[in-house]
Amino acid sequence: MPELTKMSGAQKAAAFMLAIGDEHGRNIWEGLSEDEIKELSQHMSTLGTVAAADVEELFVEFASKVSTVGNLNGSFDSTERLLAKMLPGDRVQQIMDEIRGPAGRTMWDKLGNVNEVVLASYLKNEYPQTVAVVLQKIKAEHAARVLSVLPEDFSMEVIMRMLRMEAVQKDILDKVEQTLRVEFMNNLARTSRRDSHETIAEIFNFLDRSAESRFLAALEDRNRDSAERIRALMFTFEDLANLDPSGVQTLLRNVDKDKLALAMKGASDTLRDLFFSNMSERAAKILREDMEAMGPVRLRDVDEAQMDMVNKAKDLAEAGEILLSDNKGEDELIY
């Protein structure tokens, strides 16, 4: 039970809004921004019980006196009920999805915090269809790590299920919720309209080079059309060769110099020439010296450095600072 003297300003605001309810609070809620509503709702849902005496003292701070308010119990249910009286249903659901769980994480974010070896050890005993649903819902980078740890035959079965997967039915999501023993979320029945090939391509982007080649080769044996489509959708380190000079220079300014030298160790001559030609003579000389001084390097370290550069390029493209093209189709890809 939080004491008023130990409550933060945000917690006091949450208690105040709970106390005045929907009738008197409607105008206040309508005047808040989306971020303010989310922050206030987060504190309301985790507030717990506030003693009546503290509520009365709180109202004094807000220049209003209340003598008949009983104890308050801030919880997810009470927060959701209050929001439902004032906001559209889809907006309420979005807010509640974000604030449920520790630090507002959804069930899929929670899975993202589970070590890939631990998660893979659990998932390998589940049906491939169940694992396919999980890998589609979690972040691609984490899905790639889990996929790499799973037995190869099992991984390929999961990939095939993901390729064939259409709308995820509610009973399947309920099964995932039950087997993973996590809190049920109202948005579990929502299905993604995203092409399954795009999902696989994004996951494969985070695999190391050997694992990527292994999975693509195995997939070609089973479904050549899907393998070719996934390969075309993937954005790789070598695709950075399609950057214009301005894009290369922008990327160079935002990449750690040690990572750049390591990434260039495994780059093609074409890509090396592109980057060197967009650097000053002195900077290019220093980079070459750094690369030589490294001596032999592990392929895994090179892959990680190259992936860091690809991710940085995608971030810059999303911010509108560079334009990315994979040169595999007529249209440019904007991330």
C-alpha atoms as a PDB file:
ATOM      1  CA  MET A   1       0.000   0.000   0.000  1.00  0.00           C
ATOM      2  CA  PRO A   2       1.819   3.168  -1.167  1.00  0.00           C
ATOM      3  CA  GLU A   3       1.951   6.110   1.231  1.00  0.00           C
ATOM      4  CA  LEU A   4       1.235   9.561  -0.123  1.00  0.00           C
ATOM      5  CA  THR A   5       4.597  10.920   0.998  1.00  0.00           C
ATOM      6  CA  LYS A   6       6.393   8.179  -0.952  1.00  0.00           C
ATOM      7  CA  MET A   7       4.338   8.477  -4.131  1.00  0.00           C
ATOM      8  CA  SER A   8       5.757  10.130  -7.228  1.00  0.00           C
ATOM      9  CA  GLY A   9       3.910  12.853  -9.071  1.00  0.00           C
ATOM     10  CA  ALA A  10       2.791  10.376 -11.724  1.00  0.00           C
ATOM     11  CA  GLN A  11       1.468   7.985  -9.076  1.00  0.00           C
ATOM     12  CA  LYS A  12      -0.441  10.814  -7.404  1.00  0.00           C
ATOM     13  CA  ALA A  13      -1.955  11.764 -10.746  1.00  0.00           C
ATOM     14  CA  ALA A  14      -2.948   8.132 -11.313  1.00  0.00           C
ATOM     15  CA  ALA A  15      -4.609   7.938  -7.884  1.00  0.00           C
ATOM     16  CA  PHE A  16      -6.393  11.234  -8.517  1.00  0.00           C
ATOM     17  CA  MET A  17      -7.814  10.036 -11.841  1.00  0.00           C
ATOM     18  CA  LEU A  18      -8.996   6.789 -10.272  1.00  0.00           C
ATOM     19  CA  ALA A  19     -10.686   8.724  -7.490  1.00  0.00           C
ATOM     20  CA  ILE A  20     -12.646  11.125  -9.703  1.00  0.00           C
ATOM     21  CA  GLY A  21     -13.763   8.317 -12.013  1.00  0.00           C
ATOM     22  CA  ASP A  22     -15.023   8.555 -15.580  1.00  0.00           C
ATOM     23  CA  GLU A  23     -17.772  11.138 -15.116  1.00  0.00           C
ATOM     24  CA  HIS A  24     -15.511  13.889 -13.823  1.00  0.00           C
ATOM     25  CA  GLY A  25     -12.371  12.650 -15.500  1.00  0.00           C
ATOM     26  CA  ARG A  26     -13.644  12.424 -19.076  1.00  0.00           C
ATOM     27  CA  ASN A  27     -12.667  15.966 -20.033  1.00  0.00           C
ATOM     28  CA  ILE A  28      -9.199  15.488 -18.548  1.00  0.00           C
ATOM     29  CA  TRP A  29      -8.610  12.229 -20.444  1.00  0.00           C
ATOM     30  CA  GLU A  30      -9.716  13.819 -23.708  1.00  0.00           C
ATOM     31  CA  GLY A  31      -7.152  16.576 -23.214  1.00  0.00           C
ATOM     32  CA  LEU A  32      -4.215  14.203 -22.727  1.00  0.00           C
ATOM     33  CA  SER A  33      -1.826  13.100 -25.458  1.00  0.00           C
ATOM     34  CA  GLU A  34      -1.394   9.440 -26.425  1.00  0.00           C
ATOM     35  CA  ASP A  35       1.916   9.195 -24.539  1.00  0.00           C
ATOM     36  CA  GLU A  36       0.413  10.851 -21.455  1.00  0.00           C
ATOM     37  CA  ILE A  37      -2.510   8.391 -21.472  1.00  0.00           C
ATOM     38  CA  LYS A  38      -0.131   5.429 -21.735  1.00  0.00           C
ATOM     39  CA  GLU A  39       2.097   6.693 -18.913  1.00  0.00           C
ATOM     40  CA  LEU A  40      -0.854   7.492 -16.663  1.00  0.00           C
ATOM     41  CA  SER A  41      -2.510   4.147 -17.413  1.00  0.00           C
ATOM     42  CA  GLN A  42       0.729   2.312 -16.613  1.00  0.00           C
ATOM     43  CA  HIS A  43       0.871   3.884 -13.144  1.00  0.00           C
ATOM     44  CA  MET A  44      -2.838   3.279 -12.551  1.00  0.00           C
ATOM     45  CA  SER A  45      -2.529  -0.406 -13.355  1.00  0.00           C
ATOM     46  CA  THR A  46       0.327  -0.955 -10.887  1.00  0.00           C
ATOM     47  CA  LEU A  47      -0.762   1.442  -8.146  1.00  0.00           C
ATOM     48  CA  GLY A  48      -2.307  -1.076  -5.777  1.00  0.00           C
ATOM     49  CA  THR A  49      -4.343   0.072  -2.780  1.00  0.00           C
ATOM     50  CA  VAL A  50      -4.334   3.714  -1.657  1.00  0.00           C
ATOM     51  CA  ALA A  51      -5.739   4.402   1.804  1.00  0.00           C
ATOM     52  CA  ALA A  52      -8.782   6.670   2.104  1.00  0.00           C
ATOM     53  CA  ALA A  53      -6.843   9.078   4.326  1.00  0.00           C
ATOM     54  CA  ASP A  54      -4.190   9.438   1.680  1.00  0.00           C
ATOM     55  CA  VAL A  55      -6.845   9.998  -0.969  1.00  0.00           C
ATOM     56  CA  GLU A  56      -8.305  12.858   1.063  1.00  0.00           C
ATOM     57  CA  GLU A  57      -4.879  14.411   1.549  1.00  0.00           C
ATOM     58  CA  LEU A  58      -4.243  13.985  -2.171  1.00  0.00           C
ATOM     59  CA  PHE A  59      -7.380  15.941  -3.020  1.00  0.00           C
ATOM     60  CA  VAL A  60      -6.193  18.736  -0.778  1.00  0.00           C
ATOM     61  CA  GLU A  61      -3.058  18.917  -2.898  1.00  0.00           C
ATOM     62  CA  PHE A  62      -5.285  19.260  -5.936  1.00  0.00           C
ATOM     63  CA  ALA A  63      -7.178  22.065  -4.209  1.00  0.00           C
ATOM     64  CA  SER A  64     -10.288  19.932  -3.689  1.00  0.00           C
ATOM     65  CA  LYS A  65     -11.521  18.324  -0.500  1.00  0.00           C
ATOM     66  CA  VAL A  66     -13.047  14.847  -0.484  1.00  0.00           C
ATOM     67  CA  SER A  67     -14.422  13.220   2.626  1.00  0.00           C
ATOM     68  CA  THR A  68     -16.344  10.224   1.312  1.00  0.00           C
ATOM     69  CA  VAL A  69     -13.869   8.418  -0.909  1.00  0.00           C
ATOM     70  CA  GLY A  70     -13.010   4.892   0.194  1.00  0.00           C
ATOM     71  CA  ASN A  71      -9.912   2.882  -0.535  1.00  0.00           C
ATOM     72  CA  LEU A  72      -8.731   2.738  -4.128  1.00  0.00           C
ATOM     73  CA  ASN A  73      -7.428  -0.374  -5.819  1.00  0.00           C
ATOM     74  CA  GLY A  74      -5.400   0.359  -8.924  1.00  0.00           C
ATOM     75  CA  SER A  75      -5.217  -2.745 -11.126  1.00  0.00           C
ATOM     76  CA  PHE A  76      -5.265  -3.745 -14.776  1.00  0.00           C
ATOM     77  CA  ASP A  77      -8.984  -4.528 -14.618  1.00  0.00           C
ATOM     78  CA  SER A  78      -9.997  -1.263 -12.940  1.00  0.00           C
ATOM     79  CA  THR A  79      -7.804   0.717 -15.333  1.00  0.00           C
ATOM     80  CA  GLU A  80      -9.252  -1.031 -18.366  1.00  0.00           C
ATOM     81  CA  ARG A  81     -12.841  -0.554 -17.154  1.00  0.00           C
ATOM     82  CA  LEU A  82     -12.258   3.158 -16.619  1.00  0.00           C
ATOM     83  CA  LEU A  83     -10.581   3.660 -19.998  1.00  0.00           C
ATOM     84  CA  ALA A  84     -13.349   1.699 -21.748  1.00  0.00           C
ATOM     85  CA  LYS A  85     -15.924   4.270 -20.603  1.00  0.00           C
ATOM     86  CA  MET A  86     -14.053   7.134 -22.229  1.00  0.00           C
ATOM     87  CA  LEU A  87     -12.004   5.834 -25.173  1.00  0.00           C
ATOM     88  CA  PRO A  88     -12.711   3.731 -28.280  1.00  0.00           C
ATOM     89  CA  GLY A  89     -12.317   0.007 -27.759  1.00  0.00           C
ATOM     90  CA  ASP A  90      -9.369  -0.422 -30.109  1.00  0.00           C
ATOM     91  CA  ARG A  91      -7.492   2.416 -28.422  1.00  0.00           C
ATOM     92  CA  VAL A  92      -8.145   0.928 -24.970  1.00  0.00           C
ATOM     93  CA  GLN A  93      -6.920  -2.458 -26.169  1.00  0.00           C
ATOM     94  CA  GLN A  94      -3.744  -0.951 -27.624  1.00  0.00           C
ATOM     95  CA  ILE A  95      -2.966   0.883 -24.387  1.00  0.00           C
ATOM     96  CA  MET A  96      -3.646  -2.148 -22.186  1.00  0.00           C
ATOM     97  CA  ASP A  97      -1.557  -4.429 -24.419  1.00  0.00           C
ATOM     98  CA  GLU A  98       1.417  -2.112 -23.975  1.00  0.00           C
ATOM     99  CA  ILE A  99       1.207  -1.762 -20.212  1.00  0.00           C
ATOM    100  CA  ARG A 100       0.453  -5.386 -19.228  1.00  0.00           C
ATOM    101  CA  GLY A 101       3.313  -7.283 -17.694  1.00  0.00           C
ATOM    102  CA  PRO A 102       6.566  -6.006 -16.172  1.00  0.00           C
ATOM    103  CA  ALA A 103       7.515  -2.594 -17.532  1.00  0.00           C
ATOM    104  CA  GLY A 104       4.533  -2.723 -19.873  1.00  0.00           C
ATOM    105  CA  ARG A 105       5.882  -5.624 -21.947  1.00  0.00           C
ATOM    106  CA  THR A 106       3.561  -7.888 -23.929  1.00  0.00           C
ATOM    107  CA  MET A 107       3.797 -11.650 -23.759  1.00  0.00           C
ATOM    108  CA  TRP A 108       5.931 -11.699 -26.909  1.00  0.00           C
ATOM    109  CA  ASP A 109       8.338  -9.163 -25.454  1.00  0.00           C
ATOM    110  CA  LYS A 110       8.631 -11.408 -22.415  1.00  0.00           C
ATOM    111  CA  LEU A 111       9.583 -14.321 -24.659  1.00  0.00           C
ATOM    112  CA  GLY A 112      12.209 -12.071 -26.221  1.00  0.00           C
ATOM    113  CA  ASN A 113      13.948 -11.927 -22.841  1.00  0.00           C
ATOM    114  CA  VAL A 114      14.238 -15.700 -22.581  1.00  0.00           C
ATOM    115  CA  ASN A 115      17.637 -17.106 -23.521  1.00  0.00           C
ATOM    116  CA  GLU A 116      17.418 -18.692 -26.980  1.00  0.00           C
ATOM    117  CA  VAL A 117      18.871 -21.998 -25.743  1.00  0.00           C
ATOM    118  CA  VAL A 118      16.291 -22.206 -22.956  1.00  0.00           C
ATOM    119  CA  LEU A 119      13.449 -21.235 -25.280  1.00  0.00           C
ATOM    120  CA  ALA A 120      14.594 -23.647 -28.005  1.00  0.00           C
ATOM    121  CA  SER A 121      14.902 -26.482 -25.483  1.00  0.00           C
ATOM    122  CA  TYR A 122      11.270 -25.917 -24.557  1.00  0.00           C
ATOM    123  CA  LEU A 123       9.952 -25.374 -28.088  1.00  0.00           C
ATOM    124  CA  LYS A 124      11.623 -28.449 -29.602  1.00  0.00           C
ATOM    125  CA  ASN A 125       9.136 -30.571 -27.659  1.00  0.00           C
ATOM    126  CA  GLU A 126       6.162 -28.636 -29.067  1.00  0.00           C
ATOM    127  CA  TYR A 127       4.324 -29.101 -32.341  1.00  0.00           C
ATOM    128  CA  PRO A 128       6.063 -27.366 -35.288  1.00  0.00           C
ATOM    129  CA  GLN A 129       2.867 -25.354 -35.847  1.00  0.00           C
ATOM    130  CA  THR A 130       3.088 -23.969 -32.314  1.00  0.00           C
ATOM    131  CA  VAL A 131       6.727 -23.019 -32.796  1.00  0.00           C
ATOM    132  CA  ALA A 132       5.864 -21.385 -36.133  1.00  0.00           C
ATOM    133  CA  VAL A 133       3.335 -19.128 -34.389  1.00  0.00           C
ATOM    134  CA  VAL A 134       5.870 -18.153 -31.737  1.00  0.00           C
ATOM    135  CA  LEU A 135       8.612 -17.342 -34.263  1.00  0.00           C
ATOM    136  CA  GLN A 136       6.206 -15.207 -36.292  1.00  0.00           C
ATOM    137  CA  LYS A 137       5.238 -13.183 -33.241  1.00  0.00           C
ATOM    138  CA  ILE A 138       8.631 -12.538 -31.643  1.00  0.00           C
ATOM    139  CA  LYS A 139      11.336 -10.263 -33.030  1.00  0.00           C
ATOM    140  CA  ALA A 140      13.169 -11.572 -36.085  1.00  0.00           C
ATOM    141  CA  GLU A 141      16.604 -11.313 -34.459  1.00  0.00           C
ATOM    142  CA  HIS A 142      15.548 -13.470 -31.514  1.00  0.00           C
ATOM    143  CA  ALA A 143      13.683 -15.883 -33.809  1.00  0.00           C
ATOM    144  CA  ALA A 144      16.874 -16.362 -35.826  1.00  0.00           C
ATOM    145  CA  ARG A 145      18.842 -17.286 -32.709  1.00  0.00           C
ATOM    146  CA  VAL A 146      16.153 -19.756 -31.620  1.00  0.00           C
ATOM    147  CA  LEU A 147      15.995 -21.261 -35.110  1.00  0.00           C
ATOM    148  CA  SER A 148      19.760 -21.785 -35.117  1.00  0.00           C
ATOM    149  CA  VAL A 149      19.654 -23.723 -31.847  1.00  0.00           C
ATOM    150  CA  LEU A 150      16.734 -25.995 -32.747  1.00  0.00           C
ATOM    151  CA  PRO A 151      17.545 -29.350 -34.423  1.00  0.00           C
ATOM    152  CA  GLU A 152      17.974 -28.724 -38.162  1.00  0.00           C
ATOM    153  CA  ASP A 153      15.243 -31.116 -39.361  1.00  0.00           C
ATOM    154  CA  PHE A 154      12.830 -29.624 -36.852  1.00  0.00           C
ATOM    155  CA  SER A 155      13.811 -26.086 -37.899  1.00  0.00           C
ATOM    156  CA  MET A 156      13.054 -26.860 -41.544  1.00  0.00           C
ATOM    157  CA  GLU A 157       9.659 -28.258 -40.580  1.00  0.00           C
ATOM    158  CA  VAL A 158       8.917 -25.057 -38.670  1.00  0.00           C
ATOM    159  CA  ILE A 159      10.001 -22.928 -41.644  1.00  0.00           C
ATOM    160  CA  MET A 160       7.707 -24.892 -43.959  1.00  0.00           C
ATOM    161  CA  ARG A 161       4.816 -24.382 -41.551  1.00  0.00           C
ATOM    162  CA  MET A 162       5.532 -20.637 -41.465  1.00  0.00           C
ATOM    163  CA  LEU A 163       5.532 -20.480 -45.259  1.00  0.00           C
ATOM    164  CA  ARG A 164       2.147 -22.215 -45.420  1.00  0.00           C
ATOM    165  CA  MET A 165       0.673 -20.296 -42.520  1.00  0.00           C
ATOM    166  CA  GLU A 166      -2.161 -17.905 -43.265  1.00  0.00           C
ATOM    167  CA  ALA A 167      -4.387 -16.328 -40.616  1.00  0.00           C
ATOM    168  CA  VAL A 168      -3.510 -17.576 -37.150  1.00  0.00           C
ATOM    169  CA  GLN A 169      -6.679 -18.935 -35.571  1.00  0.00           C
ATOM    170  CA  LYS A 170      -7.681 -18.072 -32.026  1.00  0.00           C
ATOM    171  CA  ASP A 171      -7.561 -21.684 -30.850  1.00  0.00           C
ATOM    172  CA  ILE A 172      -3.918 -21.914 -31.971  1.00  0.00           C
ATOM    173  CA  LEU A 173      -3.050 -18.745 -30.089  1.00  0.00           C
ATOM    174  CA  ASP A 174      -4.900 -20.058 -27.049  1.00  0.00           C
ATOM    175  CA  LYS A 175      -2.765 -23.208 -27.250  1.00  0.00           C
ATOM    176  CA  VAL A 176       0.406 -21.117 -27.338  1.00  0.00           C
ATOM    177  CA  GLU A 177      -0.824 -19.107 -24.350  1.00  0.00           C
ATOM    178  CA  GLN A 178      -1.544 -22.284 -22.426  1.00  0.00           C
ATOM    179  CA  THR A 179       1.704 -24.086 -23.204  1.00  0.00           C
ATOM    180  CA  LEU A 180       3.898 -21.078 -22.537  1.00  0.00           C
ATOM    181  CA  ARG A 181       1.970 -20.303 -19.348  1.00  0.00           C
ATOM    182  CA  VAL A 182       1.787 -16.583 -19.844  1.00  0.00           C
ATOM    183  CA  GLU A 183      -0.906 -14.028 -19.219  1.00  0.00           C
ATOM    184  CA  PHE A 184      -3.690 -14.088 -21.795  1.00  0.00           C
ATOM    185  CA  MET A 185      -3.900 -10.973 -23.987  1.00  0.00           C
ATOM    186  CA  ASN A 186      -6.967  -9.839 -25.872  1.00  0.00           C
ATOM    187  CA  ASN A 187      -4.936  -9.120 -28.975  1.00  0.00           C
ATOM    188  CA  LEU A 188      -3.792 -12.743 -29.373  1.00  0.00           C
ATOM    189  CA  ALA A 189      -6.593 -13.396 -31.855  1.00  0.00           C
ATOM    190  CA  ARG A 190      -5.316 -10.702 -34.177  1.00  0.00           C
ATOM    191  CA  THR A 191      -3.644 -12.082 -37.259  1.00  0.00           C
ATOM    192  CA  SER A 192      -0.868 -10.583 -39.274  1.00  0.00           C
ATOM    193  CA  ARG A 193      -1.416  -9.715 -42.920  1.00  0.00           C
ATOM    194  CA  ARG A 194       2.320  -9.743 -43.487  1.00  0.00           C
ATOM    195  CA  ASP A 195       3.563 -12.104 -46.156  1.00  0.00           C
ATOM    196  CA  SER A 196       5.178 -15.149 -44.535  1.00  0.00           C
ATOM    197  CA  HIS A 197       8.075 -14.906 -47.005  1.00  0.00           C
ATOM    198  CA  GLU A 198       8.870 -11.418 -45.665  1.00  0.00           C
ATOM    199  CA  THR A 199       8.902 -12.773 -42.121  1.00  0.00           C
ATOM    200  CA  ILE A 200      11.292 -15.585 -43.049  1.00  0.00           C
ATOM    201  CA  ALA A 201      13.520 -13.194 -45.023  1.00  0.00           C
ATOM    202  CA  GLU A 202      13.802 -10.861 -42.049  1.00  0.00           C
ATOM    203  CA  ILE A 203      14.627 -13.771 -39.733  1.00  0.00           C
ATOM    204  CA  PHE A 204      17.232 -15.088 -42.171  1.00  0.00           C
ATOM    205  CA  ASN A 205      18.840 -11.621 -42.255  1.00  0.00           C
ATOM    206  CA  PHE A 206      19.881 -12.189 -38.639  1.00  0.00           C
ATOM    207  CA  LEU A 207      21.374 -15.651 -39.188  1.00  0.00           C
ATOM    208  CA  ASP A 208      25.118 -16.002 -39.480  1.00  0.00           C
ATOM    209  CA  ARG A 209      26.434 -16.707 -42.958  1.00  0.00           C
ATOM    210  CA  SER A 210      26.808 -20.471 -42.610  1.00  0.00           C
ATOM    211  CA  ALA A 211      23.372 -20.961 -41.042  1.00  0.00           C
ATOM    212  CA  GLU A 212      21.767 -18.741 -43.679  1.00  0.00           C
ATOM    213  CA  SER A 213      23.342 -20.729 -46.515  1.00  0.00           C
ATOM    214  CA  ARG A 214      22.391 -24.022 -44.884  1.00  0.00           C
ATOM    215  CA  PHE A 215      18.733 -23.110 -44.431  1.00  0.00           C
ATOM    216  CA  LEU A 216      18.375 -21.597 -47.905  1.00  0.00           C
ATOM    217  CA  ALA A 217      19.982 -24.632 -49.519  1.00  0.00           C
ATOM    218  CA  ALA A 218      17.698 -26.989 -47.600  1.00  0.00           C
ATOM    219  CA  LEU A 219      14.685 -24.862 -48.479  1.00  0.00           C
ATOM    220  CA  GLU A 220      15.590 -24.914 -52.170  1.00  0.00           C
ATOM    221  CA  ASP A 221      15.402 -28.710 -52.103  1.00  0.00           C
ATOM    222  CA  ARG A 222      11.863 -28.530 -50.713  1.00  0.00           C
ATOM    223  CA  ASN A 223      10.442 -25.399 -52.310  1.00  0.00           C
ATOM    224  CA  ARG A 224      12.634 -23.629 -54.852  1.00  0.00           C
ATOM    225  CA  ASP A 225      10.083 -20.872 -55.568  1.00  0.00           C
ATOM    226  CA  SER A 226       9.835 -19.918 -51.898  1.00  0.00           C
ATOM    227  CA  ALA A 227      13.616 -20.032 -51.484  1.00  0.00           C
ATOM    228  CA  GLU A 228      14.119 -17.693 -54.431  1.00  0.00           C
ATOM    229  CA  ARG A 229      11.438 -15.326 -53.184  1.00  0.00           C
ATOM    230  CA  ILE A 230      12.970 -15.220 -49.698  1.00  0.00           C
ATOM    231  CA  ARG A 231      16.459 -14.678 -51.135  1.00  0.00           C
ATOM    232  CA  ALA A 232      15.132 -11.757 -53.192  1.00  0.00           C
ATOM    233  CA  LEU A 233      13.512 -10.188 -50.119  1.00  0.00           C
ATOM    234  CA  MET A 234      16.636 -10.375 -47.964  1.00  0.00           C
ATOM    235  CA  PHE A 235      18.800  -7.278 -47.632  1.00  0.00           C
ATOM    236  CA  THR A 236      22.429  -8.286 -47.218  1.00  0.00           C
ATOM    237  CA  PHE A 237      25.713  -6.581 -46.508  1.00  0.00           C
ATOM    238  CA  GLU A 238      26.698  -6.761 -50.187  1.00  0.00           C
ATOM    239  CA  ASP A 239      23.499  -4.862 -51.082  1.00  0.00           C
ATOM    240  CA  LEU A 240      25.178  -1.794 -49.552  1.00  0.00           C
ATOM    241  CA  ALA A 241      27.058  -1.620 -52.864  1.00  0.00           C
ATOM    242  CA  ASN A 242      23.876  -0.076 -54.302  1.00  0.00           C
ATOM    243  CA  LEU A 243      24.156   3.003 -52.065  1.00  0.00           C
ATOM    244  CA  ASP A 244      24.872   6.273 -53.838  1.00  0.00           C
ATOM    245  CA  PRO A 245      28.004   8.243 -52.794  1.00  0.00           C
ATOM    246  CA  SER A 246      26.009  10.438 -50.442  1.00  0.00           C
ATOM    247  CA  GLY A 247      24.521   7.376 -48.751  1.00  0.00           C
ATOM    248  CA  VAL A 248      27.935   5.744 -48.338  1.00  0.00           C
ATOM    249  CA  GLN A 249      29.349   8.891 -46.760  1.00  0.00           C
ATOM    250  CA  THR A 250      26.390   9.204 -44.390  1.00  0.00           C
ATOM    251  CA  LEU A 251      26.768   5.571 -43.348  1.00  0.00           C
ATOM    252  CA  LEU A 252      30.524   6.013 -42.800  1.00  0.00           C
ATOM    253  CA  ARG A 253      29.879   8.926 -40.434  1.00  0.00           C
ATOM    254  CA  ASN A 254      27.582   6.773 -38.315  1.00  0.00           C
ATOM    255  CA  VAL A 255      29.543   3.510 -38.139  1.00  0.00           C
ATOM    256  CA  ASP A 256      32.063   2.644 -35.449  1.00  0.00           C
ATOM    257  CA  LYS A 257      35.538   2.620 -37.055  1.00  0.00           C
ATOM    258  CA  ASP A 258      36.531  -0.699 -35.468  1.00  0.00           C
ATOM    259  CA  LYS A 259      33.332  -2.317 -36.760  1.00  0.00           C
ATOM    260  CA  LEU A 260      33.981  -0.849 -40.201  1.00  0.00           C
ATOM    261  CA  ALA A 261      37.479  -2.357 -40.417  1.00  0.00           C
ATOM    262  CA  LEU A 262      36.210  -5.755 -39.286  1.00  0.00           C
ATOM    263  CA  ALA A 263      33.287  -5.674 -41.747  1.00  0.00           C
ATOM    264  CA  MET A 264      35.555  -4.678 -44.624  1.00  0.00           C
ATOM    265  CA  LYS A 265      37.817  -7.680 -43.929  1.00  0.00           C
ATOM    266  CA  GLY A 266      35.074  -9.913 -45.320  1.00  0.00           C
ATOM    267  CA  ALA A 267      33.748  -7.565 -48.007  1.00  0.00           C
ATOM    268  CA  SER A 268      34.042  -8.067 -51.751  1.00  0.00           C
ATOM    269  CA  ASP A 269      36.546  -5.997 -53.722  1.00  0.00           C
ATOM    270  CA  THR A 270      33.663  -4.065 -55.285  1.00  0.00           C
ATOM    271  CA  LEU A 271      32.250  -3.046 -51.930  1.00  0.00           C
ATOM    272  CA  ARG A 272      35.690  -2.205 -50.541  1.00  0.00           C
ATOM    273  CA  ASP A 273      36.421   0.029 -53.519  1.00  0.00           C
ATOM    274  CA  LEU A 274      33.079   1.797 -53.069  1.00  0.00           C
ATOM    275  CA  PHE A 275      33.765   2.627 -49.433  1.00  0.00           C
ATOM    276  CA  PHE A 276      37.408   3.557 -49.974  1.00  0.00           C
ATOM    277  CA  SER A 277      36.477   5.873 -52.867  1.00  0.00           C
ATOM    278  CA  ASN A 278      34.082   7.772 -50.619  1.00  0.00           C
ATOM    279  CA  MET A 279      36.699   8.390 -47.924  1.00  0.00           C
ATOM    280  CA  SER A 280      39.514  10.869 -47.784  1.00  0.00           C
ATOM    281  CA  GLU A 281      42.907   9.518 -48.842  1.00  0.00           C
ATOM    282  CA  ARG A 282      44.128   9.717 -45.248  1.00  0.00           C
ATOM    283  CA  ALA A 283      41.041   7.962 -43.818  1.00  0.00           C
ATOM    284  CA  ALA A 284      41.278   5.205 -46.449  1.00  0.00           C
ATOM    285  CA  LYS A 285      44.942   4.671 -45.617  1.00  0.00           C
ATOM    286  CA  ILE A 286      44.194   4.406 -41.894  1.00  0.00           C
ATOM    287  CA  LEU A 287      41.385   1.929 -42.560  1.00  0.00           C
ATOM    288  CA  ARG A 288      43.631  -0.269 -44.702  1.00  0.00           C
ATOM    289  CA  GLU A 289      46.295  -0.216 -41.980  1.00  0.00           C
ATOM    290  CA  ASP A 290      43.713  -1.141 -39.346  1.00  0.00           C
ATOM    291  CA  MET A 291      42.541  -4.058 -41.482  1.00  0.00           C
ATOM    292  CA  GLU A 292      46.085  -5.335 -41.978  1.00  0.00           C
ATOM    293  CA  ALA A 293      46.897  -4.961 -38.289  1.00  0.00           C
ATOM    294  CA  MET A 294      43.950  -7.189 -37.355  1.00  0.00           C
ATOM    295  CA  GLY A 295      45.467 -10.226 -39.022  1.00  0.00           C
ATOM    296  CA  PRO A 296      43.196 -13.290 -39.280  1.00  0.00           C
ATOM    297  CA  VAL A 297      39.708 -12.707 -37.842  1.00  0.00           C
ATOM    298  CA  ARG A 298      36.853 -15.045 -37.044  1.00  0.00           C
ATOM    299  CA  LEU A 299      34.093 -15.296 -39.637  1.00  0.00           C
ATOM    300  CA  ARG A 300      31.530 -14.933 -36.863  1.00  0.00           C
ATOM    301  CA  ASP A 301      32.999 -11.584 -35.813  1.00  0.00           C
ATOM    302  CA  VAL A 302      32.985 -10.366 -39.418  1.00  0.00           C
ATOM    303  CA  ASP A 303      29.346 -11.416 -39.835  1.00  0.00           C
ATOM    304  CA  GLU A 304      28.360  -9.539 -36.671  1.00  0.00           C
ATOM    305  CA  ALA A 305      30.182  -6.385 -37.785  1.00  0.00           C
ATOM    306  CA  GLN A 306      28.562  -6.540 -41.215  1.00  0.00           C
ATOM    307  CA  MET A 307      25.119  -7.053 -39.694  1.00  0.00           C
ATOM    308  CA  ASP A 308      25.706  -4.023 -37.454  1.00  0.00           C
ATOM    309  CA  MET A 309      26.406  -1.963 -40.570  1.00  0.00           C
ATOM    310  CA  VAL A 310      23.285  -3.283 -42.319  1.00  0.00           C
ATOM    311  CA  ASN A 311      21.146  -2.468 -39.282  1.00  0.00           C
ATOM    312  CA  LYS A 312      22.674   1.006 -39.064  1.00  0.00           C
ATOM    313  CA  ALA A 313      21.896   1.537 -42.756  1.00  0.00           C
ATOM    314  CA  LYS A 314      18.281   0.482 -42.164  1.00  0.00           C
ATOM    315  CA  ASP A 315      18.015   2.891 -39.222  1.00  0.00           C
ATOM    316  CA  LEU A 316      19.355   5.734 -41.351  1.00  0.00           C
ATOM    317  CA  ALA A 317      16.956   4.828 -44.160  1.00  0.00           C
ATOM    318  CA  GLU A 318      14.024   4.784 -41.761  1.00  0.00           C
ATOM    319  CA  ALA A 319      15.066   8.245 -40.577  1.00  0.00           C
ATOM    320  CA  GLY A 320      15.103   9.414 -44.192  1.00  0.00           C
ATOM    321  CA  GLU A 321      18.849  10.078 -44.274  1.00  0.00           C
ATOM    322  CA  ILE A 322      19.754   7.487 -46.928  1.00  0.00           C
ATOM    323  CA  LEU A 323      17.935   5.462 -49.574  1.00  0.00           C
ATOM    324  CA  LEU A 324      18.317   1.697 -49.729  1.00  0.00           C
ATOM    325  CA  SER A 325      17.852  -0.422 -52.842  1.00  0.00           C
ATOM    326  CA  ASP A 326      18.426  -4.163 -53.071  1.00  0.00           C
ATOM    327  CA  ASN A 327      18.852  -4.054 -56.869  1.00  0.00           C
ATOM    328  CA  LYS A 328      16.724  -7.211 -57.136  1.00  0.00           C
ATOM    329  CA  GLY A 329      13.617  -5.588 -58.562  1.00  0.00           C
ATOM    330  CA  GLU A 330      12.402  -2.507 -60.322  1.00  0.00           C
ATOM    331  CA  ASP A 331      11.365  -0.708 -57.176  1.00  0.00           C
ATOM    332  CA  GLU A 332      13.578   0.782 -54.510  1.00  0.00           C
ATOM    333  CA  LEU A 333      13.099  -0.516 -50.993  1.00  0.00           C
ATOM    334  CA  ILE A 334      12.416   2.133 -48.387  1.00  0.00           C
ATOM    335  CA  TYR A 335      12.849   0.877 -44.812  1.00  0.00           C
END
